[in-house]
């Protein structure tokens, strides 16, 4: 289904769960023989919500994780958030910072926050928006450090970079 990767899907009422678990058998791009990719998600058809998580393992240790959520709100706007943590690269970056992109949008306006959160390890926690309605970025950002705010409201763009010290 996914370029030779077997995927699965389970449907139970209005909930659809899906995913895959794949181990590379040879070096391919940035992935090495033995690296494992695990993806899982669920779609709530009744509540118009989606959550998708994908993580990579190297030598049995999770080295990165990416979580994406999106919910259609009661007023037909959308709330979404994407969190990413990469502890497996050698890029010199601080590995205890979770990066998040938190967004609310409708057909003409958008509000987006870039946030960071100090975390102890790869099993981080965050405020889920799955099946929650009318959540704005300022609510999603609770417990995180807001680095940047970007918006386009009523035809006016605003960019605000906050003090990151």
Protein backbone atom coordinates (compact mmCIF):
# COMPACT_ATOMS: atom_id res chain seq x y z
CA UNK A 1 0.00 0.00 0.00
CA UNK A 2 2.75 2.52 0.98
CA UNK A 3 5.55 1.74 -1.50
CA UNK A 4 5.63 -1.90 -0.48
CA UNK A 5 4.91 -1.28 3.22
CA UNK A 6 1.98 -3.27 4.57
CA UNK A 7 -0.53 -1.04 6.30
CA UNK A 8 -3.56 -1.88 8.41
CA UNK A 9 -6.97 -0.34 9.03
CA UNK A 10 -9.70 -1.11 11.59
CA UNK A 11 -13.16 0.41 11.48
CA UNK A 12 -15.32 0.39 14.60
CA UNK A 13 -18.43 2.52 14.30
CA UNK A 14 -17.43 6.10 13.52
CA UNK A 15 -13.77 5.50 14.45
CA UNK A 16 -11.17 4.45 11.86
CA UNK A 17 -7.76 3.35 13.15
CA UNK A 18 -4.85 2.84 10.77
CA UNK A 19 -1.10 2.47 10.65
CA UNK A 20 1.95 0.47 9.70
CA UNK A 21 5.12 -0.97 11.23
CA UNK A 22 8.07 -1.33 8.89
CA UNK A 23 11.70 -2.37 9.37
CA UNK A 24 14.21 -1.46 6.68
CA UNK A 25 16.08 -4.47 5.32
CA UNK A 26 18.76 -2.37 3.62
CA UNK A 27 20.11 1.18 3.69
CA UNK A 28 17.76 3.53 1.84
CA UNK A 29 18.22 7.31 1.92
CA UNK A 30 18.66 8.42 5.52
CA UNK A 31 17.27 5.12 6.84
CA UNK A 32 19.66 2.30 7.62
CA UNK A 33 19.26 -1.46 7.63
CA UNK A 34 17.33 -2.36 10.81
CA UNK A 35 15.72 1.06 11.30
CA UNK A 36 12.05 0.76 12.16
CA UNK A 37 9.20 3.16 11.34
CA UNK A 38 5.99 2.90 13.35
CA UNK A 39 2.93 4.89 12.34
CA UNK A 40 -0.55 4.90 13.80
CA UNK A 41 -3.53 7.14 13.63
CA UNK A 42 -7.23 7.46 14.09
CA UNK A 43 -9.98 9.35 12.37
CA UNK A 44 -13.11 10.22 14.31
CA UNK A 45 -15.73 10.58 11.58
CA UNK A 46 -18.47 11.71 13.97
CA UNK A 47 -16.32 14.38 15.62
CA UNK A 48 -14.29 15.35 12.51
CA UNK A 49 -10.92 14.77 14.20
CA UNK A 50 -7.69 13.15 13.06
CA UNK A 51 -4.55 12.19 14.96
CA UNK A 52 -1.47 10.69 13.31
CA UNK A 53 1.80 9.72 15.01
CA UNK A 54 4.94 8.41 13.37
CA UNK A 55 8.18 7.49 15.12
CA UNK A 56 11.54 6.08 14.04
CA UNK A 57 13.68 3.58 15.92
CA UNK A 58 17.38 2.92 15.50
CA UNK A 59 18.92 -0.05 17.35
CA UNK A 60 15.63 -0.44 19.28
CA UNK A 61 15.67 3.16 20.56
CA UNK A 62 13.10 5.76 19.44
CA UNK A 63 15.07 8.60 17.84
CA UNK A 64 12.25 10.84 16.63
CA UNK A 65 8.51 11.30 16.94
CA UNK A 66 6.05 13.45 15.00
CA UNK A 67 2.41 13.92 16.02
CA UNK A 68 -0.20 15.72 13.93
CA UNK A 69 -3.77 16.49 14.98
CA UNK A 70 -6.54 18.36 13.21
CA UNK A 71 -10.13 18.98 14.27
CA UNK A 72 -12.99 20.62 12.43
CA UNK A 73 -14.64 23.05 14.82
CA UNK A 74 -18.36 23.59 15.29
CA UNK A 75 -18.18 26.84 13.26
CA UNK A 76 -16.41 25.02 10.33
CA UNK A 77 -13.01 26.52 11.19
CA UNK A 78 -10.14 24.12 11.96
CA UNK A 79 -7.65 23.70 14.79
CA UNK A 80 -4.44 21.81 14.16
CA UNK A 81 -1.19 21.07 15.89
CA UNK A 82 2.00 19.36 14.90
CA UNK A 83 4.72 18.37 17.39
CA UNK A 84 8.17 17.10 16.47
CA UNK A 85 11.09 15.80 18.49
CA UNK A 86 14.32 14.47 16.98
CA UNK A 87 16.82 13.06 19.46
CA UNK A 88 18.68 10.88 16.99
CA UNK A 89 20.47 13.36 14.76
CA UNK A 90 23.94 14.75 15.24
CA UNK A 91 23.11 18.33 14.28
CA UNK A 92 24.24 19.86 17.59
CA UNK A 93 20.72 20.95 18.53
CA UNK A 94 19.42 20.68 22.09
CA UNK A 95 17.62 17.35 22.22
CA UNK A 96 15.34 18.28 25.11
CA UNK A 97 13.21 20.74 23.13
CA UNK A 98 9.93 19.68 21.63
CA UNK A 99 8.88 21.93 18.74
CA UNK A 100 5.21 22.55 18.02
CA UNK A 101 3.22 24.37 15.35
CA UNK A 102 -0.26 25.30 16.61
CA UNK A 103 -2.77 26.70 14.16
CA UNK A 104 -6.38 27.81 13.90
CA UNK A 105 -7.82 28.73 10.51
CA UNK A 106 -11.04 29.30 8.59
CA UNK A 107 -11.67 30.27 4.97
CA UNK A 108 -9.97 33.70 5.30
CA UNK A 109 -8.15 34.04 8.64
CA UNK A 110 -5.28 32.13 10.24
CA UNK A 111 -3.49 32.26 13.59
CA UNK A 112 -0.35 30.20 14.11
CA UNK A 113 2.11 29.80 16.99
CA UNK A 114 5.57 28.24 17.01
CA UNK A 115 6.25 26.82 20.47
CA UNK A 116 8.95 24.93 22.33
CA UNK A 117 8.65 22.79 25.39
CA UNK A 118 11.39 21.30 27.54
CA UNK A 119 10.86 17.58 27.88
CA UNK A 120 12.65 14.82 29.79
CA UNK A 121 12.55 12.16 27.05
CA UNK A 122 10.89 10.90 23.86
CA UNK A 123 7.68 9.96 25.74
CA UNK A 124 6.55 13.57 25.90
CA UNK A 125 3.07 14.72 26.81
CA UNK A 126 1.08 17.49 25.17
CA UNK A 127 -2.45 18.90 25.23
CA UNK A 128 -4.39 16.87 22.70
CA UNK A 129 -7.11 18.51 20.61
CA UNK A 130 -8.50 15.23 19.27
CA UNK A 131 -12.32 15.49 19.37
CA UNK A 132 -12.16 18.86 21.15
CA UNK A 133 -13.86 21.83 19.52
CA UNK A 134 -13.07 25.52 19.14
CA UNK A 135 -9.52 25.37 20.52
CA UNK A 136 -7.29 28.33 19.63
CA UNK A 137 -3.46 28.34 19.61
CA UNK A 138 -3.21 30.24 22.90
CA UNK A 139 -5.09 27.38 24.60
CA UNK A 140 -3.02 24.70 22.83
CA UNK A 141 0.19 26.46 23.92
CA UNK A 142 -0.42 26.06 27.67
CA UNK A 143 2.72 24.68 29.29
CA UNK A 144 4.92 25.57 26.30
CA UNK A 145 7.12 28.57 25.49
CA UNK A 146 5.71 30.62 22.59
CA UNK A 147 8.56 31.56 20.24
CA UNK A 148 6.62 33.19 17.43
CA UNK A 149 3.07 34.29 16.58
CA UNK A 150 1.94 34.71 12.99
CA UNK A 151 -1.54 35.69 11.88
CA UNK A 152 -3.55 36.95 8.96
CA UNK A 153 -6.80 38.43 10.29
CA UNK A 154 -9.20 40.68 8.39
CA UNK A 155 -6.65 41.10 5.60
CA UNK A 156 -3.82 42.18 7.91
CA UNK A 157 -0.66 40.12 8.45
CA UNK A 158 1.08 40.17 11.83
CA UNK A 159 4.43 38.60 12.72
CA UNK A 160 5.65 38.67 16.29
CA UNK A 161 8.92 37.01 17.30
CA UNK A 162 9.11 36.74 21.06
CA UNK A 163 12.21 36.87 23.25
CA UNK A 164 13.69 33.36 23.20
CA UNK A 165 16.17 33.89 26.05
